[in-house]
């Protein structure tokens, strides 16, 4: 298991929050997922009701 972890390390994000931010942007720019592609980021749509303390600005 340790060897697999070593081999996968270069492919793991150093900043997993970056993927979350990308999903927020995708949700703001393309909420209907018009630009769908198999490897694209799915949109993360947050409303003020379920957002809580979101710290992003809408585009």
Protein backbone atom coordinates (compact mmCIF):
# COMPACT_ATOMS: atom_id res chain seq x y z
CA UNK A 1 0.00 0.00 0.00
CA UNK A 2 2.87 2.36 0.76
CA UNK A 3 4.32 1.88 -2.72
CA UNK A 4 0.97 2.77 -4.31
CA UNK A 5 0.81 5.90 -2.16
CA UNK A 6 4.30 6.92 -3.33
CA UNK A 7 3.40 6.32 -6.98
CA UNK A 8 0.18 8.35 -6.76
CA UNK A 9 1.66 11.32 -4.86
CA UNK A 10 2.62 13.32 -8.00
CA UNK A 11 -0.98 13.15 -9.24
CA UNK A 12 -2.65 14.37 -6.05
CA UNK A 13 -3.54 18.03 -5.69
CA UNK A 14 -1.41 19.98 -3.27
CA UNK A 15 -4.36 22.33 -2.72
CA UNK A 16 -7.68 20.43 -2.77
CA UNK A 17 -9.53 23.68 -2.09
CA UNK A 18 -8.57 24.81 -5.60
CA UNK A 19 -10.89 22.15 -7.05
CA UNK A 20 -13.69 23.43 -4.80
CA UNK A 21 -13.10 26.98 -6.04
CA UNK A 22 -13.16 25.79 -9.65
CA UNK A 23 -16.48 24.05 -9.03
CA UNK A 24 -17.88 27.28 -7.54
CA UNK A 25 -16.77 29.25 -10.59
CA UNK A 26 -18.22 26.61 -12.91
CA UNK A 27 -21.52 26.85 -11.01
CA UNK A 28 -21.56 30.64 -11.32
CA UNK A 29 -20.56 30.78 -14.99
CA UNK A 30 -22.27 27.65 -16.32
CA UNK A 31 -24.96 26.54 -13.83
CA UNK A 32 -26.83 24.47 -16.44
CA UNK A 33 -23.62 22.63 -17.39
CA UNK A 34 -24.00 23.65 -21.05
CA UNK A 35 -20.26 23.13 -21.63
CA UNK A 36 -20.38 19.50 -20.53
CA UNK A 37 -17.43 17.26 -21.26
CA UNK A 38 -16.66 13.87 -19.69
CA UNK A 39 -13.60 15.25 -17.91
CA UNK A 40 -15.00 18.66 -17.06
CA UNK A 41 -15.61 19.93 -13.56
CA UNK A 42 -19.23 19.52 -12.44
CA UNK A 43 -20.88 22.78 -11.38
CA UNK A 44 -21.27 23.47 -7.68
CA UNK A 45 -24.27 25.72 -7.23
CA UNK A 46 -24.59 27.44 -3.88
CA UNK A 47 -27.55 29.58 -2.92
CA UNK A 48 -27.50 32.07 -0.07
CA UNK A 49 -29.85 29.75 1.84
CA UNK A 50 -27.54 26.73 1.91
CA UNK A 51 -24.26 28.56 1.61
CA UNK A 52 -23.80 29.56 5.21
CA UNK A 53 -20.65 31.66 5.32
CA UNK A 54 -19.45 31.52 1.71
CA UNK A 55 -16.55 33.81 1.06
CA UNK A 56 -16.73 34.11 -2.71
CA UNK A 57 -18.17 36.79 -4.89
CA UNK A 58 -20.47 35.98 -7.77
CA UNK A 59 -19.11 36.78 -11.21
